[in-house]
C-alpha atoms as a PDB file:
ATOM      1  CA  MET A   1      -8.697 109.599 216.103  1.00  0.00           C
ATOM      2  CA  SER A   2      -6.574 112.794 216.980  1.00  0.00           C
ATOM      3  CA  THR A   3      -5.662 115.569 214.641  1.00  0.00           C
ATOM      4  CA  ALA A   4      -2.752 118.153 215.896  1.00  0.00           C
ATOM      5  CA  PRO A   5      -0.319 120.370 214.313  1.00  0.00           C
ATOM      6  CA  HIS A   6       2.435 118.060 213.000  1.00  0.00           C
ATOM      7  CA  ALA A   7       4.835 118.286 210.022  1.00  0.00           C
ATOM      8  CA  GLU A   8       3.587 118.340 206.743  1.00  0.00           C
ATOM      9  CA  ASN A   9      -0.112 119.167 208.237  1.00  0.00           C
ATOM     10  CA  ALA A  10      -0.825 115.622 209.553  1.00  0.00           C
ATOM     11  CA  ALA A  11      -3.970 114.158 210.661  1.00  0.00           C
ATOM     12  CA  ILE A  12      -2.941 110.908 213.191  1.00  0.00           C
ATOM     13  CA  PHE A  13      -5.459 108.013 213.504  1.00  0.00           C
ATOM     14  CA  LYS A  14      -5.324 105.668 216.392  1.00  0.00           C
ATOM     15  CA  ALA A  15      -8.112 103.191 217.352  1.00  0.00           C
ATOM     16  CA  ARG A  16     -10.087 104.082 220.357  1.00  0.00           C
ATOM     17  CA  THR A  17     -10.219 100.433 221.269  1.00  0.00           C
ATOM     18  CA  ASN A  18      -6.638  99.832 220.817  1.00  0.00           C
ATOM     19  CA  LYS A  19      -5.797 102.310 223.720  1.00  0.00           C
ATOM     20  CA  TRP A  20      -8.332 100.578 225.984  1.00  0.00           C
ATOM     21  CA  PHE A  21      -6.504  97.170 225.017  1.00  0.00           C
ATOM     22  CA  ALA A  22      -3.204  98.880 226.003  1.00  0.00           C
ATOM     23  CA  GLY A  23      -4.236 100.189 229.239  1.00  0.00           C
ATOM     24  CA  LEU A  24      -5.903  96.742 230.260  1.00  0.00           C
ATOM     25  CA  ALA A  25      -2.435  95.247 229.062  1.00  0.00           C
ATOM     26  CA  TRP A  26      -0.603  97.749 231.467  1.00  0.00           C
ATOM     27  CA  LEU A  27      -2.939  97.310 234.240  1.00  0.00           C
ATOM     28  CA  ILE A  28      -2.476  93.612 234.304  1.00  0.00           C
ATOM     29  CA  ALA A  29       1.484  93.713 234.200  1.00  0.00           C
ATOM     30  CA  GLY A  30       1.530  96.581 236.978  1.00  0.00           C
ATOM     31  CA  VAL A  31      -0.696  94.588 239.390  1.00  0.00           C
ATOM     32  CA  GLY A  32       1.332  91.669 238.574  1.00  0.00           C
ATOM     33  CA  LEU A  33       4.838  93.411 239.343  1.00  0.00           C
ATOM     34  CA  ILE A  34       3.625  95.053 242.432  1.00  0.00           C
ATOM     35  CA  SER A  35       2.421  91.314 243.652  1.00  0.00           C
ATOM     36  CA  THR A  36       5.640  89.961 242.775  1.00  0.00           C
ATOM     37  CA  ALA A  37       7.771  92.777 244.792  1.00  0.00           C
ATOM     38  CA  LEU A  38       5.455  92.614 247.660  1.00  0.00           C
ATOM     39  CA  THR A  39       5.473  88.678 248.382  1.00  0.00           C
ATOM     40  CA  GLY A  40       7.907  87.341 245.949  1.00  0.00           C
ATOM     41  CA  GLY A  41      11.347  89.000 247.267  1.00  0.00           C
ATOM     42  CA  ALA A  42      14.421  89.409 245.186  1.00  0.00           C
ATOM     43  CA  GLU A  43      14.520  85.822 243.902  1.00  0.00           C
ATOM     44  CA  ALA A  44      11.093  86.484 241.980  1.00  0.00           C
ATOM     45  CA  VAL A  45      12.807  88.866 239.600  1.00  0.00           C
ATOM     46  CA  THR A  46      13.447  85.984 237.251  1.00  0.00           C
ATOM     47  CA  GLY A  47       9.889  85.284 236.859  1.00  0.00           C
ATOM     48  CA  ILE A  48       8.770  88.796 235.884  1.00  0.00           C
ATOM     49  CA  GLY A  49       9.417  88.513 232.138  1.00  0.00           C
ATOM     50  CA  PRO A  50       6.150  87.504 231.188  1.00  0.00           C
ATOM     51  CA  LEU A  51       4.755  90.428 232.819  1.00  0.00           C
ATOM     52  CA  LEU A  52       7.493  92.801 230.936  1.00  0.00           C
ATOM     53  CA  LEU A  53       6.384  91.331 227.944  1.00  0.00           C
ATOM     54  CA  VAL A  54       2.857  91.953 228.561  1.00  0.00           C
ATOM     55  CA  ALA A  55       3.327  95.656 229.281  1.00  0.00           C
ATOM     56  CA  TYR A  56       5.468  95.850 226.229  1.00  0.00           C
ATOM     57  CA  LEU A  57       3.227  94.099 223.684  1.00  0.00           C
ATOM     58  CA  GLY A  58       0.247  96.760 225.146  1.00  0.00           C
ATOM     59  CA  TRP A  59       2.593  99.220 223.963  1.00  0.00           C
ATOM     60  CA  LEU A  60       3.647  97.420 220.649  1.00  0.00           C
ATOM     61  CA  LEU A  61       0.470  96.109 219.597  1.00  0.00           C
ATOM     62  CA  PHE A  62      -2.136  98.767 220.623  1.00  0.00           C
ATOM     63  CA  TRP A  63      -0.467 101.869 221.793  1.00  0.00           C
ATOM     64  CA  ARG A  64       2.171 102.525 218.763  1.00  0.00           C
ATOM     65  CA  PRO A  65       0.350 101.763 215.631  1.00  0.00           C
ATOM     66  CA  SER A  66      -1.141 104.452 213.736  1.00  0.00           C
ATOM     67  CA  VAL A  67      -2.054 105.959 210.444  1.00  0.00           C
ATOM     68  CA  VAL A  68      -0.744 109.387 209.663  1.00  0.00           C
ATOM     69  CA  VAL A  69      -2.149 111.100 206.991  1.00  0.00           C
ATOM     70  CA  HIS A  70       0.037 113.989 205.350  1.00  0.00           C
ATOM     71  CA  ASP A  71       0.264 116.258 202.196  1.00  0.00           C
ATOM     72  CA  ALA A  72       3.119 114.053 200.852  1.00  0.00           C
ATOM     73  CA  GLY A  73       1.057 110.634 201.655  1.00  0.00           C
ATOM     74  CA  VAL A  74       0.056 107.940 204.239  1.00  0.00           C
ATOM     75  CA  ARG A  75       2.306 106.565 206.708  1.00  0.00           C
ATOM     76  CA  LEU A  76       1.412 103.327 208.441  1.00  0.00           C
ATOM     77  CA  GLU A  77       3.041 102.594 211.484  1.00  0.00           C
ATOM     78  CA  ASN A  78       2.622  98.918 212.148  1.00  0.00           C
ATOM     79  CA  PRO A  79       4.273  96.907 214.849  1.00  0.00           C
ATOM     80  CA  PHE A  80       7.430  95.899 213.048  1.00  0.00           C
ATOM     81  CA  ARG A  81       7.412  98.225 210.090  1.00  0.00           C
ATOM     82  CA  SER A  82       6.473 101.531 209.039  1.00  0.00           C
ATOM     83  CA  VAL A  83       5.126 101.839 205.558  1.00  0.00           C
ATOM     84  CA  THR A  84       5.053 105.200 203.753  1.00  0.00           C
ATOM     85  CA  VAL A  85       2.812 105.291 200.640  1.00  0.00           C
ATOM     86  CA  PRO A  86       3.080 108.637 198.450  1.00  0.00           C
ATOM     87  CA  TRP A  87      -0.216 110.082 197.066  1.00  0.00           C
ATOM     88  CA  ALA A  88       1.218 109.404 193.638  1.00  0.00           C
ATOM     89  CA  ALA A  89       1.747 105.517 194.323  1.00  0.00           C
ATOM     90  CA  LEU A  90      -1.810 105.204 195.594  1.00  0.00           C
ATOM     91  CA  VAL A  91      -4.158 103.466 193.152  1.00  0.00           C
ATOM     92  CA  GLN A  92      -7.092 102.272 195.614  1.00  0.00           C
ATOM     93  CA  VAL A  93      -8.126 102.496 199.119  1.00  0.00           C
ATOM     94  CA  ASP A  94      -9.555  99.167 200.400  1.00  0.00           C
ATOM     95  CA  THR A  95     -11.436  98.058 204.042  1.00  0.00           C
ATOM     96  CA  ARG A  96     -12.238  94.460 203.268  1.00  0.00           C
ATOM     97  CA  TYR A  97     -10.170  93.321 206.308  1.00  0.00           C
ATOM     98  CA  ALA A  98      -8.495  96.447 207.742  1.00  0.00           C
ATOM     99  CA  LEU A  99      -7.507  99.935 206.109  1.00  0.00           C
ATOM    100  CA  THR A 100      -5.327  98.665 202.972  1.00  0.00           C
ATOM    101  CA  LEU A 101      -3.487 101.089 200.486  1.00  0.00           C
ATOM    102  CA  ILE A 102      -3.149  99.315 197.285  1.00  0.00           C
ATOM    103  CA  THR A 103      -0.427 100.263 194.952  1.00  0.00           C
ATOM    104  CA  PRO A 104       0.744  98.754 191.479  1.00  0.00           C
ATOM    105  CA  SER A 105       3.043  96.555 193.225  1.00  0.00           C
ATOM    106  CA  ARG A 106       1.432  95.277 196.275  1.00  0.00           C
ATOM    107  CA  SER A 107      -0.967  96.184 199.222  1.00  0.00           C
ATOM    108  CA  TYR A 108      -0.197  97.502 202.788  1.00  0.00           C
ATOM    109  CA  GLY A 109      -2.435  96.802 205.371  1.00  0.00           C
ATOM    110  CA  ALA A 110      -2.992  99.175 208.604  1.00  0.00           C
ATOM    111  CA  TRP A 111      -2.486  97.363 212.063  1.00  0.00           C
ATOM    112  CA  ALA A 112      -4.453 100.383 213.642  1.00  0.00           C
ATOM    113  CA  ALA A 113      -7.427 100.369 211.515  1.00  0.00           C
ATOM    114  CA  PRO A 114      -8.966  96.959 211.550  1.00  0.00           C
ATOM    115  CA  ALA A 115     -12.242  96.299 209.623  1.00  0.00           C
ATOM    116  CA  PRO A 116     -15.395  95.472 211.875  1.00  0.00           C
ATOM    117  CA  GLY A 117     -16.587  91.798 212.778  1.00  0.00           C
ATOM    118  CA  ILE A 118     -19.627  90.271 211.429  1.00  0.00           C
ATOM    119  CA  TRP A 119     -21.800  92.677 213.305  1.00  0.00           C
ATOM    120  CA  GLY A 120     -20.046  95.718 212.116  1.00  0.00           C
ATOM    121  CA  GLY A 121     -22.326  96.417 209.392  1.00  0.00           C
ATOM    122  CA  ARG A 122     -25.679  95.387 211.320  1.00  0.00           C
ATOM    123  CA  ASN A 123     -25.298  98.180 213.656  1.00  0.00           C
ATOM    124  CA  ALA A 124     -24.846 100.804 211.035  1.00  0.00           C
ATOM    125  CA  ARG A 125     -26.957 103.947 211.310  1.00  0.00           C
ATOM    126  CA  PRO A 126     -28.070 105.952 208.376  1.00  0.00           C
ATOM    127  CA  GLU A 127     -25.801 108.880 209.311  1.00  0.00           C
ATOM    128  CA  ASP A 128     -22.700 106.349 209.175  1.00  0.00           C
ATOM    129  CA  LEU A 129     -23.432 106.216 205.413  1.00  0.00           C
ATOM    130  CA  GLN A 130     -23.604 109.962 204.557  1.00  0.00           C
ATOM    131  CA  GLY A 131     -21.016 112.382 203.686  1.00  0.00           C
ATOM    132  CA  LEU A 132     -18.049 109.933 202.733  1.00  0.00           C
ATOM    133  CA  PRO A 133     -15.805 110.834 200.138  1.00  0.00           C
ATOM    134  CA  GLY A 134     -17.013 109.872 196.507  1.00  0.00           C
ATOM    135  CA  SER A 135     -14.515 107.115 196.114  1.00  0.00           C
ATOM    136  CA  THR A 136     -15.935 105.536 199.045  1.00  0.00           C
ATOM    137  CA  TYR A 137     -19.204 104.245 197.605  1.00  0.00           C
ATOM    138  CA  GLY A 138     -19.586 101.334 195.253  1.00  0.00           C
ATOM    139  CA  PRO A 139     -22.383 100.347 192.774  1.00  0.00           C
ATOM    140  CA  GLY A 140     -25.933 101.466 193.567  1.00  0.00           C
ATOM    141  CA  HIS A 141     -24.355 103.934 196.249  1.00  0.00           C
ATOM    142  CA  SER A 142     -23.284 100.929 198.391  1.00  0.00           C
ATOM    143  CA  VAL A 143     -21.000 100.989 201.329  1.00  0.00           C
ATOM    144  CA  ARG A 144     -19.026  97.980 202.718  1.00  0.00           C
ATOM    145  CA  PRO A 145     -19.095  97.349 206.503  1.00  0.00           C
ATOM    146  CA  GLY A 146     -15.130  98.465 206.829  1.00  0.00           C
ATOM    147  CA  ASP A 147     -16.060 102.106 205.602  1.00  0.00           C
ATOM    148  CA  LEU A 148     -18.965 102.841 207.920  1.00  0.00           C
ATOM    149  CA  LYS A 149     -18.067 106.143 209.674  1.00  0.00           C
ATOM    150  CA  SER A 150     -18.248 104.453 213.101  1.00  0.00           C
ATOM    151  CA  THR A 151     -15.719 101.749 212.641  1.00  0.00           C
ATOM    152  CA  ASP A 152     -11.935 102.101 213.046  1.00  0.00           C
ATOM    153  CA  SER A 153     -11.140 101.273 209.401  1.00  0.00           C
ATOM    154  CA  GLY A 154     -14.003 103.728 208.114  1.00  0.00           C
ATOM    155  CA  GLN A 155     -12.562 106.370 210.007  1.00  0.00           C
ATOM    156  CA  ALA A 156      -9.049 105.860 208.848  1.00  0.00           C
ATOM    157  CA  ALA A 157     -10.322 105.350 205.310  1.00  0.00           C
ATOM    158  CA  ARG A 158     -12.455 108.644 205.237  1.00  0.00           C
ATOM    159  CA  LEU A 159      -9.184 110.527 206.424  1.00  0.00           C
ATOM    160  CA  VAL A 160      -7.225 108.885 203.693  1.00  0.00           C
ATOM    161  CA  ARG A 161      -9.828 109.257 201.000  1.00  0.00           C
ATOM    162  CA  ALA A 162     -10.454 113.057 201.748  1.00  0.00           C
ATOM    163  CA  ARG A 163      -6.938 113.890 201.641  1.00  0.00           C
ATOM    164  CA  TRP A 164      -6.171 111.949 198.628  1.00  0.00           C
ATOM    165  CA  GLN A 165      -9.210 113.822 197.057  1.00  0.00           C
ATOM    166  CA  GLN A 166      -7.849 116.813 198.038  1.00  0.00           C
ATOM    167  CA  GLN A 167      -4.201 116.447 196.675  1.00  0.00           C
ATOM    168  CA  VAL A 168      -5.698 115.329 193.409  1.00  0.00           C
ATOM    169  CA  GLU A 169      -8.019 118.552 193.115  1.00  0.00           C
ATOM    170  CA  SER A 170      -5.056 120.602 193.872  1.00  0.00           C
ATOM    171  CA  GLY A 171      -2.496 119.268 191.496  1.00  0.00           C
ATOM    172  CA  ALA A 172      -0.263 118.501 193.952  1.00  0.00           C
ATOM    173  CA  PHE A 173       1.136 115.587 192.396  1.00  0.00           C
ATOM    174  CA  ASP A 174       1.317 114.165 188.829  1.00  0.00           C
ATOM    175  CA  ALA A 175      -1.148 111.505 188.426  1.00  0.00           C
ATOM    176  CA  GLY A 176      -0.518 108.374 186.259  1.00  0.00           C
ATOM    177  CA  ASN A 177       2.942 107.848 187.616  1.00  0.00           C
ATOM    178  CA  ALA A 178       1.861 105.206 190.215  1.00  0.00           C
ATOM    179  CA  GLU A 179       4.186 102.595 188.820  1.00  0.00           C
ATOM    180  CA  ASP A 180       7.172 104.860 189.009  1.00  0.00           C
ATOM    181  CA  THR A 181       6.637 106.029 192.508  1.00  0.00           C
ATOM    182  CA  PRO A 182       8.583 104.143 195.129  1.00  0.00           C
ATOM    183  CA  VAL A 183       7.061 103.336 198.331  1.00  0.00           C
ATOM    184  CA  THR A 184       9.294 103.127 201.517  1.00  0.00           C
ATOM    185  CA  VAL A 185       9.161 100.532 203.930  1.00  0.00           C
ATOM    186  CA  THR A 186      11.306 100.433 206.933  1.00  0.00           C
ATOM    187  CA  VAL A 187      11.813  97.587 209.384  1.00  0.00           C
ATOM    188  CA  ARG A 188      11.905  98.385 213.037  1.00  0.00           C
ATOM    189  CA  TRP A 189      14.593  96.111 214.149  1.00  0.00           C
ATOM    190  CA  LEU A 190      14.394  97.832 217.623  1.00  0.00           C
ATOM    191  CA  GLU A 191      11.222  96.388 218.277  1.00  0.00           C
ATOM    192  CA  LEU A 192      11.942  93.250 216.821  1.00  0.00           C
ATOM    193  CA  GLY A 193      14.915  92.924 218.947  1.00  0.00           C
ATOM    194  CA  ALA A 194      13.105  93.856 222.158  1.00  0.00           C
ATOM    195  CA  THR A 195      10.504  91.427 221.287  1.00  0.00           C
ATOM    196  CA  ALA A 196      12.983  88.415 220.977  1.00  0.00           C
ATOM    197  CA  ALA A 197      14.860  89.570 224.228  1.00  0.00           C
ATOM    198  CA  LEU A 198      11.780  89.471 226.074  1.00  0.00           C
ATOM    199  CA  VAL A 199      10.390  86.568 224.904  1.00  0.00           C
ATOM    200  CA  ALA A 200      14.000  84.759 225.818  1.00  0.00           C
ATOM    201  CA  PHE A 201      13.593  86.471 228.962  1.00  0.00           C
ATOM    202  CA  SER A 202      10.084  85.208 229.883  1.00  0.00           C
ATOM    203  CA  ILE A 203      11.064  81.617 228.658  1.00  0.00           C
ATOM    204  CA  TRP A 204      14.265  81.543 230.958  1.00  0.00           C
ATOM    205  CA  GLY A 205      12.308  82.887 233.887  1.00  0.00           C
ATOM    206  CA  VAL A 206       9.486  80.280 233.577  1.00  0.00           C
ATOM    207  CA  ALA A 207      12.290  77.453 233.326  1.00  0.00           C
ATOM    208  CA  LEU A 208      13.919  78.449 236.547  1.00  0.00           C
ATOM    209  CA  LEU A 209      10.482  78.349 238.269  1.00  0.00           C
END
């Protein structure tokens, strides 16, 4: 997670594990490209499509996704779309499968903040359950595995819930207008087009081998 000066006092969450996966994808693609350049010659250019695709997907699926929490709401940067949920539209934060922002009309999941696997809750420490925003706790002061401080979904949810509570207490928006507050969804056509082009180039190059 990183917090840095940003428009509208934003905190930006990116999963640390995703950065490792992105680095691994770039390493694999880089080694492959260097090997191709050294041994394949000019005619091997048609076969680099899969390597370029791996490098691009490393950025698209692991490096780019983020959760941006700011004074006006939450922005989810997912691979092929961005979703901006104003605080007034938010009715619940869930972490069953990933950080999920729930509004009256539908739910929006965060690619950057997946919930832990089956072992996530079993490795919890007492400190992972303490000091969380009040809306995190369920009956009997219970906490879902996806809400633990040590998990990606839990870290992102903690940022969202803390800022949401702060905005509610400060009267920054009119509560009770969730159904009338629009959510902005922006499709990332450039990313979609680049993915389609690289997939097509990869298939074409492999077919020529």
